Amino acid sequence: MLLGGLMSAVAALSTYGVAGASTPSPSGTITVWSYLIGSLDAKMEQRAEQLFQMHYPDVKVDYVSVPFNNLDTKLLAAAAVHTGPDVVIDNPVVDFPELSAAGALANMDPYLAQLGRPLPFPSSVVWKVGGKVETIQAYVNFVALWYNNSILQKLHLSVPHTQQQLAYDLSVVTKHGYQGLLMDGDPGVDGIWQLMPWLTSRGLTFCSLRSPSSVPVVASVLSMIRNWVQRGWIPKDFDTFTQITTLPIFLAGKAAFMENGNWNIESIETKAHFDAGVVPMPSAEQPAKVLVGGEGEAVGGYSSQKSLAWHYLQYGWFSPQGQEAILNDIGSLPTRNGLESFVAKFRFQQPFLAELHEGLASWPYNKEVDTVATDLGNIFSSFAGGSGTPMSTAQTMRTTLIKDLAAGGGSC
């Protein structure tokens, strides 16, 4: 570590009464609960621990991996008896309202000044309740428009930035025997994840979908998608596609476009035998905003070591070094502001960074957000399979959303 970094570390430790000539370095263990299980996840956890232990060498980190479907239940059960982990790494998209209400997440406001002012993270990845920050997403995953530049160059086509340009490109590539746009319309969250950028490009949000005025706008988007299917620009069986199954089709080199995420960067870099590229999702009336994914990091609400837990997050996940490690180690996009020059070194990350800076679409703030996403995804998948008209499907989406939000207390 550079001398300046060491001086800063000593100053920070002294401020919190855990370093200095007469104060022994703290020892013990902090516990981290998450559902992370993959080899890349383990690599990032180890790197976070190393960065933390550069400042707290005598504090161990105990990682407890809980199955995805069980983690919320375990956290809520612990919170009910005022206990739980020191650090929570979970999916705020589906669980933040419920965990916050149970007290499972701590208010991190007392520590945020240590990251600098203003807070060096975009508001779209900072999760608050009553103005108090309880979770920050250190990295995000979301979709953009991948393209086969070899096909576009061969047919003298420009990379599309608007849906009108994309439609023209699709008409040309399919006329020459190539596949057009790969998108997945499988049931569940994937479906709404894929559909939402096309809706936000027309000014819609989850909350505005409750309005009767949203129905004809949604219907127009669905009509466009069905028209593209009928023209052969989107595969007729795209309701069976997933984010996993579209990738090998794209890598085969016969499809011009794919709506998919930044988690595919490594595969495309190493397996694509053509010139690939990626741009933000195409605009319509305004730039498209994509739905955010990725884990959020929080201090446990009932931790007895909140300061230590915070420093683990500060150094291991939120620091510039931790943020760069996230991109180096797992390929996910770090969210801290000021890393543009570093991210620019990675060929495919810049368009995703542009989407992050444009602003991400917001999920409903409601205890039933997972139900909302699943139900709307199921409705879109059914439409993708040929059921319903654009108008009837748009109306069903609106009534279902209102019902699901009401079941979660009505908030959005």
Protein backbone atom coordinates (compact mmCIF):
# COMPACT_ATOMS: atom_id res chain seq x y z
CA MET A 1 0.00 0.00 0.00
CA LEU A 2 1.24 3.54 -0.73
CA LEU A 3 2.34 5.76 2.16
CA GLY A 4 -0.70 8.03 1.73
CA GLY A 5 -2.99 5.02 1.99
CA LEU A 6 -1.26 3.88 5.17
CA MET A 7 -1.54 7.32 6.71
CA SER A 8 -5.25 7.46 5.85
CA ALA A 9 -5.81 4.03 7.32
CA VAL A 10 -4.08 4.95 10.57
CA ALA A 11 -6.06 8.17 10.80
CA ALA A 12 -9.33 6.35 10.21
CA LEU A 13 -8.55 3.71 12.82
CA SER A 14 -7.54 6.32 15.36
CA THR A 15 -10.77 8.21 14.79
CA TYR A 16 -12.76 5.16 15.85
CA GLY A 17 -10.58 4.34 18.81
CA VAL A 18 -9.12 1.13 17.44
CA ALA A 19 -5.56 2.13 16.61
CA GLY A 20 -2.73 4.25 17.97
CA ALA A 21 0.23 3.80 20.23
CA SER A 22 -1.76 2.82 23.31
CA THR A 23 -4.84 1.25 21.73
CA PRO A 24 -4.55 -2.39 20.68
CA SER A 25 -5.90 -3.41 17.30
CA PRO A 26 -9.29 -5.11 17.66
CA SER A 27 -9.54 -8.82 17.21
CA GLY A 28 -12.35 -11.29 16.80
CA THR A 29 -14.69 -12.25 13.98
CA ILE A 30 -17.36 -10.56 11.94
CA THR A 31 -20.02 -12.67 10.26
CA VAL A 32 -21.30 -12.11 6.72
CA TRP A 33 -24.51 -13.75 5.51
CA SER A 34 -25.16 -14.03 1.79
CA TYR A 35 -26.34 -16.45 -0.89
CA LEU A 36 -23.12 -16.12 -2.91
CA ILE A 37 -21.76 -19.55 -3.80
CA GLY A 38 -19.86 -19.41 -7.11
CA SER A 39 -16.10 -19.49 -7.58
CA LEU A 40 -16.06 -15.86 -8.73
CA ASP A 41 -18.14 -14.89 -5.70
CA ALA A 42 -15.63 -16.63 -3.44
CA LYS A 43 -12.78 -14.79 -5.17
CA MET A 44 -14.44 -11.44 -4.51
CA GLU A 45 -15.18 -12.32 -0.89
CA GLN A 46 -11.56 -13.27 -0.36
CA ARG A 47 -10.40 -10.04 -1.97
CA ALA A 48 -12.77 -8.00 0.22
CA GLU A 49 -11.43 -9.77 3.29
CA GLN A 50 -7.84 -9.03 2.27
CA LEU A 51 -8.56 -5.33 1.76
CA PHE A 52 -10.32 -5.16 5.13
CA GLN A 53 -7.51 -7.00 6.93
CA MET A 54 -4.94 -4.53 5.63
CA HIS A 55 -6.55 -2.23 8.22
CA TYR A 56 -7.79 -4.83 10.72
CA PRO A 57 -5.32 -7.72 10.53
CA ASP A 58 -6.60 -9.45 13.65
CA VAL A 59 -10.27 -9.57 12.68
CA LYS A 60 -11.43 -12.67 10.83
CA VAL A 61 -14.36 -12.77 8.42
CA ASP A 62 -16.75 -15.69 8.64
CA TYR A 63 -18.75 -16.09 5.42
CA VAL A 64 -22.02 -17.96 5.84
CA SER A 65 -23.66 -18.96 2.56
CA VAL A 66 -27.41 -19.51 2.80
CA PRO A 67 -29.47 -20.78 -0.18
CA PHE A 68 -31.04 -17.91 -2.10
CA ASN A 69 -34.62 -18.91 -1.29
CA ASN A 70 -33.83 -19.27 2.43
CA LEU A 71 -31.75 -16.20 3.18
CA ASP A 72 -34.60 -13.74 3.69
CA THR A 73 -36.43 -16.17 5.96
CA LYS A 74 -33.28 -16.70 8.02
CA LEU A 75 -32.65 -12.95 8.30
CA LEU A 76 -36.26 -12.24 9.31
CA ALA A 77 -36.24 -15.02 11.90
CA ALA A 78 -33.02 -13.67 13.39
CA ALA A 79 -34.34 -10.11 13.43
CA ALA A 80 -37.46 -11.25 15.27
CA VAL A 81 -35.26 -12.16 18.26
CA HIS A 82 -32.94 -9.16 17.79
CA THR A 83 -29.95 -11.02 16.44
CA GLY A 84 -28.36 -11.63 13.06
CA PRO A 85 -25.13 -11.21 11.10
CA ASP A 86 -22.77 -8.28 11.16
CA VAL A 87 -23.01 -7.85 7.39
CA VAL A 88 -25.82 -8.66 4.98
CA ILE A 89 -25.19 -9.22 1.27
CA ASP A 90 -28.51 -9.83 -0.42
CA ASN A 91 -30.79 -8.81 -3.28
CA PRO A 92 -32.38 -5.45 -2.36
CA VAL A 93 -34.64 -5.57 -5.41
CA VAL A 94 -36.79 -8.27 -3.86
CA ASP A 95 -36.18 -8.03 -0.12
CA PHE A 96 -35.21 -4.51 0.94
CA PRO A 97 -38.64 -3.29 2.14
CA GLU A 98 -39.28 -6.39 4.22
CA LEU A 99 -35.79 -6.59 5.75
CA SER A 100 -35.79 -2.89 6.54
CA ALA A 101 -39.17 -3.08 8.24
CA ALA A 102 -37.93 -5.99 10.38
CA GLY A 103 -34.88 -4.04 11.54
CA ALA A 104 -32.48 -6.48 9.84
CA LEU A 105 -30.56 -3.60 8.22
CA ALA A 106 -28.74 -0.85 10.09
CA ASN A 107 -28.78 2.87 9.37
CA MET A 108 -25.38 3.53 7.75
CA ASP A 109 -25.69 7.34 7.77
CA PRO A 110 -23.26 7.80 10.71
CA TYR A 111 -20.48 6.23 8.63
CA LEU A 112 -21.10 7.62 5.14
CA ALA A 113 -18.89 10.69 5.52
CA GLN A 114 -15.92 8.32 5.48
CA LEU A 115 -16.66 7.67 1.82
CA GLY A 116 -16.53 11.40 1.01
CA ARG A 117 -19.09 14.11 0.35
CA PRO A 118 -21.12 14.03 -1.73
CA LEU A 119 -21.65 10.30 -1.42
CA PRO A 120 -19.66 8.83 -4.34
CA PHE A 121 -22.42 6.46 -5.47
CA PRO A 122 -25.35 7.24 -7.80
CA SER A 123 -28.73 7.48 -6.11
CA SER A 124 -30.06 4.55 -8.15
CA VAL A 125 -27.91 2.11 -6.13
CA VAL A 126 -28.45 3.71 -2.71
CA TRP A 127 -31.41 2.22 -0.82
CA LYS A 128 -33.03 4.46 1.78
CA VAL A 129 -35.88 4.41 4.27
CA GLY A 130 -37.04 7.75 5.66
CA GLY A 131 -33.98 9.37 4.11
CA LYS A 132 -31.60 7.00 5.92
CA VAL A 133 -29.25 4.81 3.90
CA GLU A 134 -29.48 1.11 4.74
CA THR A 135 -28.00 -0.58 1.66
CA ILE A 136 -25.60 0.33 -1.13
CA GLN A 137 -25.11 -1.80 -4.21
CA ALA A 138 -21.36 -1.96 -4.77
CA TYR A 139 -21.89 -3.44 -8.22
CA VAL A 140 -24.75 -3.90 -10.63
CA ASN A 141 -25.85 -6.18 -13.42
CA PHE A 142 -28.27 -5.18 -16.15
CA VAL A 143 -28.98 -5.55 -19.84
CA ALA A 144 -27.88 -3.70 -22.96
CA LEU A 145 -27.98 -4.38 -26.70
CA TRP A 146 -25.23 -6.70 -27.91
CA TYR A 147 -24.52 -6.75 -31.64
CA ASN A 148 -22.52 -8.76 -34.18
CA ASN A 149 -20.46 -6.05 -35.81
CA SER A 150 -19.17 -8.46 -38.44
CA ILE A 151 -22.71 -8.81 -39.79
CA LEU A 152 -23.38 -5.07 -39.61
CA GLN A 153 -20.13 -4.25 -41.40
CA LYS A 154 -20.78 -6.83 -44.11
CA LEU A 155 -24.21 -5.33 -44.80
CA HIS A 156 -23.00 -1.71 -44.42
CA LEU A 157 -25.25 -1.05 -41.44
CA SER A 158 -24.71 1.38 -38.59
CA VAL A 159 -24.90 0.39 -34.95
CA PRO A 160 -28.44 1.34 -33.82
CA HIS A 161 -29.03 3.79 -31.01
CA THR A 162 -32.77 4.25 -31.52
CA GLN A 163 -35.54 1.72 -31.96
CA GLN A 164 -36.25 3.14 -35.42
CA GLN A 165 -32.64 2.47 -36.43
CA LEU A 166 -32.84 -1.01 -34.91
CA ALA A 167 -36.00 -1.80 -36.89
CA TYR A 168 -34.24 -0.83 -40.12
CA ASP A 169 -31.21 -3.00 -39.28
CA LEU A 170 -33.46 -5.93 -38.41
CA SER A 171 -35.25 -5.64 -41.74
CA VAL A 172 -31.94 -5.81 -43.61
CA VAL A 173 -30.19 -8.57 -41.66
CA THR A 174 -33.19 -10.90 -41.78
CA LYS A 175 -33.59 -10.27 -45.52
CA HIS A 176 -30.03 -11.57 -45.91
CA GLY A 177 -30.70 -14.75 -43.94
CA TYR A 178 -29.42 -13.77 -40.52
CA GLN A 179 -31.33 -13.94 -37.26
CA GLY A 180 -32.50 -10.58 -35.95
CA LEU A 181 -32.97 -9.83 -32.26
CA LEU A 182 -32.56 -12.44 -29.54
CA MET A 183 -34.57 -11.55 -26.45
CA ASP A 184 -36.03 -13.83 -23.84
CA GLY A 185 -39.70 -13.98 -22.98
CA ASP A 186 -39.57 -16.79 -20.44
CA PRO A 187 -41.86 -16.60 -17.39
CA GLY A 188 -40.94 -14.85 -14.19
CA VAL A 189 -38.60 -11.97 -13.46
CA ASP A 190 -36.63 -12.45 -16.69
CA GLY A 191 -39.65 -11.47 -18.74
CA ILE A 192 -40.24 -8.07 -17.13
CA TRP A 193 -36.46 -7.50 -16.98
CA GLN A 194 -36.42 -7.75 -20.79
CA LEU A 195 -39.61 -5.78 -21.42
CA MET A 196 -39.03 -2.82 -19.10
CA PRO A 197 -36.40 -0.94 -21.20
CA TRP A 198 -38.88 -0.80 -24.09
CA LEU A 199 -41.47 0.71 -21.74
CA THR A 200 -39.16 3.19 -20.01
CA SER A 201 -38.08 4.51 -23.42
CA ARG A 202 -41.65 5.79 -23.68
CA GLY A 203 -41.59 7.42 -20.26
CA LEU A 204 -43.21 4.62 -18.26
CA THR A 205 -42.25 3.36 -14.80
CA PHE A 206 -43.66 0.63 -12.60
CA CYS A 207 -45.62 3.24 -10.71
CA SER A 208 -47.02 4.94 -13.80
CA LEU A 209 -48.26 1.58 -15.07
CA ARG A 210 -51.07 1.95 -12.52
CA SER A 211 -52.58 4.78 -14.54
CA PRO A 212 -55.22 4.07 -17.20
CA SER A 213 -53.25 6.32 -19.55
CA SER A 214 -50.40 3.80 -19.53
CA VAL A 215 -52.48 1.06 -21.17
CA PRO A 216 -52.34 2.34 -24.79
CA VAL A 217 -48.61 3.05 -24.42
CA VAL A 218 -47.89 -0.48 -23.18
CA ALA A 219 -50.13 -1.84 -25.93
CA SER A 220 -48.12 0.05 -28.56
CA VAL A 221 -44.88 -1.54 -27.31
CA LEU A 222 -46.44 -5.00 -27.29
CA SER A 223 -47.84 -4.41 -30.77
CA MET A 224 -44.36 -3.47 -32.01
CA ILE A 225 -42.84 -6.63 -30.49
CA ARG A 226 -45.53 -8.86 -31.99
CA ASN A 227 -45.07 -7.17 -35.36
CA TRP A 228 -41.34 -7.86 -35.18
CA VAL A 229 -42.08 -11.51 -34.40
CA GLN A 230 -44.46 -11.77 -37.33
CA ARG A 231 -41.84 -10.25 -39.63
CA GLY A 232 -39.27 -12.79 -38.43
CA TRP A 233 -37.12 -10.17 -36.74
CA ILE A 234 -37.55 -11.86 -33.32
CA PRO A 235 -37.71 -15.69 -33.14
CA LYS A 236 -41.28 -16.96 -32.95
CA ASP A 237 -40.43 -19.17 -29.96
CA PHE A 238 -38.75 -16.43 -27.92
CA ASP A 239 -41.13 -17.16 -25.05
CA THR A 240 -38.97 -20.26 -24.44
CA PHE A 241 -35.68 -18.31 -24.46
CA THR A 242 -33.83 -17.35 -21.30
CA GLN A 243 -30.85 -15.11 -20.63
CA ILE A 244 -28.80 -18.31 -20.52
CA THR A 245 -30.05 -19.91 -23.74
CA THR A 246 -29.79 -16.81 -25.95
CA LEU A 247 -26.04 -16.51 -25.35
CA PRO A 248 -24.89 -19.65 -27.25
CA ILE A 249 -27.21 -18.72 -30.13
CA PHE A 250 -25.55 -15.31 -30.31
CA LEU A 251 -22.08 -16.84 -30.03
CA ALA A 252 -22.84 -19.06 -33.02
CA GLY A 253 -22.48 -15.90 -35.12
CA LYS A 254 -25.74 -15.94 -37.07
CA ALA A 255 -27.73 -13.46 -34.96
CA ALA A 256 -27.23 -9.73 -35.36
CA PHE A 257 -28.52 -8.57 -31.96
CA MET A 258 -29.12 -9.83 -28.42
CA GLU A 259 -30.66 -8.16 -25.38
CA ASN A 260 -28.61 -9.50 -22.51
CA GLY A 261 -26.42 -8.49 -19.60
CA ASN A 262 -22.90 -7.58 -18.58
CA TRP A 263 -22.46 -10.95 -16.88
CA ASN A 264 -21.83 -12.33 -20.39
CA ILE A 265 -18.78 -10.19 -21.05
CA GLU A 266 -16.20 -12.87 -20.28
CA SER A 267 -17.97 -15.46 -22.45
CA ILE A 268 -18.28 -13.07 -25.38
CA GLU A 269 -14.68 -11.91 -25.05
CA THR A 270 -13.33 -15.46 -25.04
CA LYS A 271 -15.81 -17.38 -27.21
CA ALA A 272 -17.10 -15.03 -29.92
CA HIS A 273 -15.35 -15.71 -33.22
CA PHE A 274 -16.59 -12.45 -34.68
CA ASP A 275 -16.34 -8.75 -33.91
CA ALA A 276 -18.88 -8.17 -31.14
CA GLY A 277 -20.03 -4.93 -29.59
CA VAL A 278 -22.57 -3.56 -27.14
CA VAL A 279 -24.52 -0.30 -26.83
CA PRO A 280 -27.12 1.01 -24.38
CA MET A 281 -30.67 -0.19 -24.99
CA PRO A 282 -32.11 1.82 -27.91
CA SER A 283 -34.15 4.93 -27.24
CA ALA A 284 -37.63 5.82 -28.47
CA GLU A 285 -39.22 8.99 -27.12
CA GLN A 286 -36.43 9.18 -24.54
CA PRO A 287 -33.40 7.11 -23.47
CA ALA A 288 -34.27 3.66 -22.18
CA LYS A 289 -33.71 2.95 -18.51
CA VAL A 290 -32.89 -0.64 -17.56
CA LEU A 291 -33.78 -2.49 -14.39
CA VAL A 292 -30.94 -2.90 -11.94
CA GLY A 293 -29.76 -6.21 -10.55
CA GLY A 294 -26.83 -7.17 -8.38
CA GLU A 295 -26.33 -7.65 -4.69
CA GLY A 296 -26.58 -4.94 -2.06
CA GLU A 297 -24.27 -4.61 0.93
CA ALA A 298 -25.49 -3.58 4.38
CA VAL A 299 -24.56 -3.55 8.05
CA GLY A 300 -26.70 -5.95 10.05
CA GLY A 301 -29.38 -4.21 12.08
CA TYR A 302 -28.71 -6.21 15.23
CA SER A 303 -24.94 -6.49 14.90
CA SER A 304 -23.03 -5.71 18.07
CA GLN A 305 -20.04 -4.75 15.91
CA LYS A 306 -21.55 -2.20 13.56
CA SER A 307 -18.39 -0.10 13.27
CA LEU A 308 -16.25 -3.10 12.33
CA ALA A 309 -18.94 -4.32 9.94
CA TRP A 310 -18.99 -0.91 8.30
CA HIS A 311 -15.20 -0.87 7.88
CA TYR A 312 -15.37 -4.28 6.22
CA LEU A 313 -17.78 -2.79 3.68
CA GLN A 314 -15.89 0.47 3.42
CA TYR A 315 -12.55 -1.10 2.57
CA GLY A 316 -13.62 -4.39 1.00
CA TRP A 317 -16.50 -3.25 -1.22
CA PHE A 318 -16.93 0.53 -1.35
CA SER A 319 -13.32 1.74 -1.59
CA PRO A 320 -11.75 2.48 -5.00
CA GLN A 321 -9.54 -0.59 -4.54
CA GLY A 322 -12.53 -2.77 -3.70
CA GLN A 323 -14.48 -1.39 -6.63
CA GLU A 324 -11.67 -2.06 -9.09
CA ALA A 325 -11.33 -5.59 -7.72
CA ILE A 326 -15.02 -6.23 -8.40
CA LEU A 327 -14.51 -5.49 -12.08
CA ASN A 328 -11.21 -7.37 -12.26
CA ASP A 329 -12.38 -10.42 -10.34
CA ILE A 330 -16.01 -10.99 -11.30
CA GLY A 331 -16.64 -8.71 -14.28
CA SER A 332 -19.58 -6.89 -12.72
CA LEU A 333 -19.84 -3.13 -13.09
CA PRO A 334 -18.68 -1.21 -9.98
CA THR A 335 -20.96 1.66 -9.09
CA ARG A 336 -18.67 4.18 -7.42
CA ASN A 337 -18.39 7.50 -9.23
CA GLY A 338 -14.99 8.52 -10.56
CA LEU A 339 -13.97 5.15 -12.00
CA GLU A 340 -14.68 6.07 -15.61
CA SER A 341 -11.04 5.98 -16.73
CA PHE A 342 -10.55 2.59 -15.10
CA VAL A 343 -13.74 1.14 -16.56
CA ALA A 344 -12.77 2.48 -19.99
CA LYS A 345 -9.89 -0.01 -20.05
CA PHE A 346 -12.44 -2.81 -20.27
CA ARG A 347 -13.72 -3.07 -23.81
CA PHE A 348 -17.37 -3.87 -23.22
CA GLN A 349 -18.09 -2.07 -19.94
CA GLN A 350 -18.43 1.51 -21.16
CA PRO A 351 -22.00 1.17 -22.56
CA PHE A 352 -23.16 -0.33 -19.27
CA LEU A 353 -21.53 2.55 -17.41
CA ALA A 354 -23.39 4.94 -19.70
CA GLU A 355 -26.69 3.27 -18.77
CA LEU A 356 -25.81 3.57 -15.09
CA HIS A 357 -25.11 7.30 -15.45
CA GLU A 358 -28.28 7.80 -17.52
CA GLY A 359 -30.20 6.51 -14.52
CA LEU A 360 -31.65 3.10 -13.87
CA ALA A 361 -35.30 2.13 -13.74
CA SER A 362 -36.69 1.80 -10.22
CA TRP A 363 -38.36 -1.29 -8.88
CA PRO A 364 -41.50 -0.73 -6.76
CA TYR A 365 -40.85 -0.05 -3.09
CA ASN A 366 -43.31 -2.65 -1.87
CA LYS A 367 -43.13 -5.86 0.16
CA GLU A 368 -44.61 -7.74 -2.80
CA VAL A 369 -42.07 -6.50 -5.36
CA ASP A 370 -41.02 -10.08 -6.14
CA THR A 371 -44.64 -11.00 -6.82
CA VAL A 372 -45.04 -7.91 -9.02
CA ALA A 373 -41.99 -8.83 -11.10
CA THR A 374 -42.98 -12.49 -11.37
CA ASP A 375 -46.60 -11.83 -12.31
CA LEU A 376 -45.81 -9.17 -14.92
CA GLY A 377 -43.09 -11.40 -16.35
CA ASN A 378 -45.55 -14.27 -16.59
CA ILE A 379 -48.08 -12.07 -18.41
CA PHE A 380 -45.44 -10.91 -20.89
CA SER A 381 -44.27 -14.50 -21.44
CA SER A 382 -47.81 -15.60 -22.19
CA PHE A 383 -48.11 -12.77 -24.71
CA ALA A 384 -44.76 -13.73 -26.23
CA GLY A 385 -46.16 -17.22 -26.71
CA GLY A 386 -49.04 -15.83 -28.75
CA SER A 387 -51.78 -15.37 -26.14
CA GLY A 388 -53.88 -12.23 -25.89
CA THR A 389 -53.90 -9.02 -27.85
CA PRO A 390 -51.58 -6.10 -27.14
CA MET A 391 -54.47 -4.14 -25.60
CA SER A 392 -55.86 -6.97 -23.46
CA THR A 393 -52.35 -7.83 -22.24
CA ALA A 394 -51.63 -4.21 -21.34
CA GLN A 395 -54.89 -4.04 -19.38
CA THR A 396 -54.08 -7.29 -17.56
CA MET A 397 -50.65 -5.95 -16.64
CA ARG A 398 -52.19 -2.83 -15.12
CA THR A 399 -54.86 -4.63 -13.06
CA THR A 400 -52.36 -7.26 -11.87
CA LEU A 401 -49.86 -4.61 -10.82
CA ILE A 402 -52.51 -2.73 -8.83
CA LYS A 403 -53.60 -5.96 -7.12
CA ASP A 404 -50.06 -7.02 -6.23
CA LEU A 405 -49.10 -3.60 -4.90
CA ALA A 406 -52.25 -3.53 -2.77
CA ALA A 407 -51.29 -6.90 -1.28
CA GLY A 408 -47.96 -5.38 -0.26
CA GLY A 409 -49.54 -2.38 1.44
CA GLY A 410 -50.19 -0.20 -1.61
CA SER A 411 -46.86 1.61 -1.84
CA CYS A 412 -44.87 1.97 -5.02
